[in-house]
Amino acid sequence: MRNFAKRLITYESRTNKSPETKAPQGFAEMEKLRRHLTTYVGHTAFHTLLARSLALSAPDVPGLRGVRVNVDDPLTGLEELQDTLAADKIFEGRVMLLARLLELLMVFIGAGLTLRLVSEVWPKIPLDDLDFSESGKNKKAKNYVKT
């Protein structure tokens, strides 16, 4: 899941030039995903998933402990994070946070629907080469996503 999250973040970093993104540098992928997911699950459910993802990510990237999830602005404390952490640690935090969020989505709504939502947000990212292991059997993402 970390490799998948890295792929999405790298793609978003290259393509996002939108001034409407409120997230500080580097967290645009979370804002883009939030805008899309809240139409399906609502603000409360998204914020709950994001808060849980943040709690699961903080042990791996201690700098994330200062980041908070609230209703008005999904992630607060990012400016301070950028002032205190090196760019590589911020990138690792982004990867972990997105990976945990995607993992939770897969648990709650399944791999197929999660990948479909991701492909709606980032339609140009190829997903058919992803490999999700399930009970020792490798399942390619193309088994989940119908094109």
Protein backbone atom coordinates (compact mmCIF):
# COMPACT_ATOMS: atom_id res chain seq x y z
CA MET A 1 0.00 0.00 0.00
CA ARG A 2 2.94 2.32 0.63
CA ASN A 3 4.10 1.94 -2.96
CA PHE A 4 0.59 2.70 -4.17
CA ALA A 5 0.44 5.81 -1.95
CA LYS A 6 3.88 6.92 -3.22
CA ARG A 7 2.67 6.55 -6.78
CA LEU A 8 -0.40 8.70 -6.13
CA ILE A 9 1.58 11.37 -4.28
CA THR A 10 4.27 11.52 -6.94
CA TYR A 11 1.66 11.85 -9.66
CA GLU A 12 -0.27 14.51 -7.73
CA SER A 13 2.90 16.46 -6.99
CA ARG A 14 3.70 16.62 -10.70
CA THR A 15 0.22 17.53 -11.87
CA ASN A 16 -1.30 19.70 -9.13
CA LYS A 17 -0.95 23.35 -9.97
CA SER A 18 -4.44 24.33 -8.82
CA PRO A 19 -4.66 27.46 -6.67
CA GLU A 20 -7.95 26.22 -5.20
CA THR A 21 -6.22 23.52 -3.14
CA LYS A 22 -6.21 24.67 0.46
CA ALA A 23 -3.73 22.08 1.72
CA PRO A 24 -0.16 23.25 2.29
CA GLN A 25 2.55 22.16 -0.07
CA GLY A 26 2.60 18.42 -0.40
CA PHE A 27 -0.76 17.51 1.09
CA ALA A 28 -2.81 18.30 -2.00
CA GLU A 29 -3.57 14.63 -2.61
CA MET A 30 -5.41 14.42 0.70
CA GLU A 31 -7.49 17.49 -0.17
CA LYS A 32 -8.31 16.11 -3.60
CA LEU A 33 -9.32 12.76 -2.13
CA ARG A 34 -11.36 14.51 0.58
CA ARG A 35 -13.36 16.52 -1.95
CA HIS A 36 -14.23 13.36 -3.85
CA LEU A 37 -14.90 11.00 -0.95
CA THR A 38 -17.12 13.35 1.02
CA THR A 39 -19.65 13.27 -1.80
CA TYR A 40 -19.99 9.52 -1.20
CA VAL A 41 -19.47 9.07 2.53
CA GLY A 42 -20.07 12.54 3.97
CA HIS A 43 -17.81 14.83 5.96
CA THR A 44 -18.14 13.01 9.28
CA ALA A 45 -17.18 9.62 7.88
CA PHE A 46 -14.24 11.05 5.97
CA HIS A 47 -12.95 12.94 9.00
CA THR A 48 -13.30 9.81 11.13
CA LEU A 49 -11.31 7.76 8.61
CA LEU A 50 -8.70 10.50 8.33
CA ALA A 51 -8.37 10.79 12.12
CA ARG A 52 -7.89 7.03 12.41
CA SER A 53 -5.36 7.08 9.57
CA LEU A 54 -3.46 9.83 11.34
CA ALA A 55 -3.45 7.88 14.61
CA LEU A 56 -2.13 4.79 12.81
CA SER A 57 0.55 6.81 10.97
CA ALA A 58 1.91 8.80 13.93
CA PRO A 59 3.98 5.93 15.42
CA ASP A 60 5.80 5.52 12.09
CA VAL A 61 6.29 9.25 11.55
CA PRO A 62 6.39 10.95 14.99
CA GLY A 63 6.24 14.40 13.40
CA LEU A 64 2.60 13.73 12.52
CA ARG A 65 1.63 13.83 16.20
CA GLY A 66 1.21 17.60 15.96
CA VAL A 67 -1.26 17.33 13.08
CA ARG A 68 -4.96 17.33 13.96
CA VAL A 69 -8.16 16.54 12.10
CA ASN A 70 -11.09 18.91 12.51
CA VAL A 71 -14.32 19.68 10.74
CA ASP A 72 -13.58 23.05 9.15
CA ASP A 73 -10.12 22.28 7.80
CA PRO A 74 -9.38 18.55 7.56
CA LEU A 75 -5.72 18.73 8.57
CA THR A 76 -4.39 21.42 10.87
CA GLY A 77 -0.83 21.80 12.04
CA LEU A 78 0.68 21.18 8.62
CA GLU A 79 2.36 24.59 8.48
CA GLU A 80 4.16 23.86 11.75
CA LEU A 81 5.09 20.44 10.43
CA GLN A 82 6.74 22.03 7.42
CA ASP A 83 8.67 24.36 9.73
CA THR A 84 10.01 21.55 11.92
CA LEU A 85 10.56 18.53 9.67
CA ALA A 86 12.86 17.89 6.74
CA ALA A 87 11.24 17.41 3.34
CA ASP A 88 11.96 13.66 3.30
CA LYS A 89 10.19 13.19 6.66
CA ILE A 90 7.20 15.18 5.42
CA PHE A 91 7.09 13.01 2.30
CA GLU A 92 7.21 9.88 4.46
CA GLY A 93 4.38 11.27 6.58
CA ARG A 94 2.29 11.92 3.48
CA VAL A 95 2.94 8.40 2.23
CA MET A 96 2.04 6.80 5.55
CA LEU A 97 -1.10 8.88 6.01
CA LEU A 98 -2.40 8.15 2.52
CA ALA A 99 -1.45 4.47 2.74
CA ARG A 100 -3.31 4.09 6.04
CA LEU A 101 -6.36 5.87 4.64
CA LEU A 102 -6.39 3.60 1.59
CA GLU A 103 -5.99 0.54 3.81
CA LEU A 104 -8.97 1.59 5.91
CA LEU A 105 -11.05 2.21 2.82
CA MET A 106 -10.17 -1.26 1.54
CA VAL A 107 -11.22 -2.79 4.85
CA PHE A 108 -14.53 -0.95 4.96
CA ILE A 109 -15.62 -0.81 1.33
CA GLY A 110 -13.39 -3.38 -0.35
CA ALA A 111 -10.55 -3.22 -2.84
CA GLY A 112 -12.75 -2.89 -5.90
CA LEU A 113 -14.65 0.16 -4.74
CA THR A 114 -11.53 1.76 -3.27
CA LEU A 115 -9.67 1.39 -6.55
CA ARG A 116 -12.65 2.67 -8.47
CA LEU A 117 -12.75 5.79 -6.26
CA VAL A 118 -9.02 6.31 -6.70
CA SER A 119 -9.37 5.96 -10.46
CA GLU A 120 -12.13 8.58 -10.43
CA VAL A 121 -9.85 11.02 -8.60
CA TRP A 122 -6.74 10.16 -10.64
CA PRO A 123 -8.02 8.68 -13.92
CA LYS A 124 -4.65 8.76 -15.68
CA ILE A 125 -2.81 6.63 -13.13
CA PRO A 126 -2.52 3.00 -14.26
CA LEU A 127 -3.82 0.61 -11.64
CA ASP A 128 -3.64 -2.73 -13.44
CA ASP A 129 -0.10 -3.48 -12.28
CA LEU A 130 -0.89 -3.22 -8.56
CA ASP A 131 -0.60 -6.43 -6.62
CA PHE A 132 -2.79 -7.10 -3.59
CA SER A 133 -2.11 -10.33 -1.76
CA GLU A 134 -5.06 -12.17 -0.32
CA SER A 135 -4.63 -15.45 1.60
CA GLY A 136 -1.39 -16.24 -0.16
CA LYS A 137 -2.85 -15.68 -3.62
CA ASN A 138 -1.73 -12.70 -5.64
CA LYS A 139 -4.55 -10.71 -7.09
CA LYS A 140 -3.84 -8.04 -9.59
CA ALA A 141 -5.76 -4.79 -9.39
CA LYS A 142 -7.21 -5.46 -12.85
CA ASN A 143 -9.30 -8.19 -11.16
CA TYR A 144 -10.92 -5.47 -9.07
CA VAL A 145 -11.28 -2.58 -11.47
CA LYS A 146 -13.45 -2.90 -14.53
CA THR A 147 -12.45 -0.55 -17.29
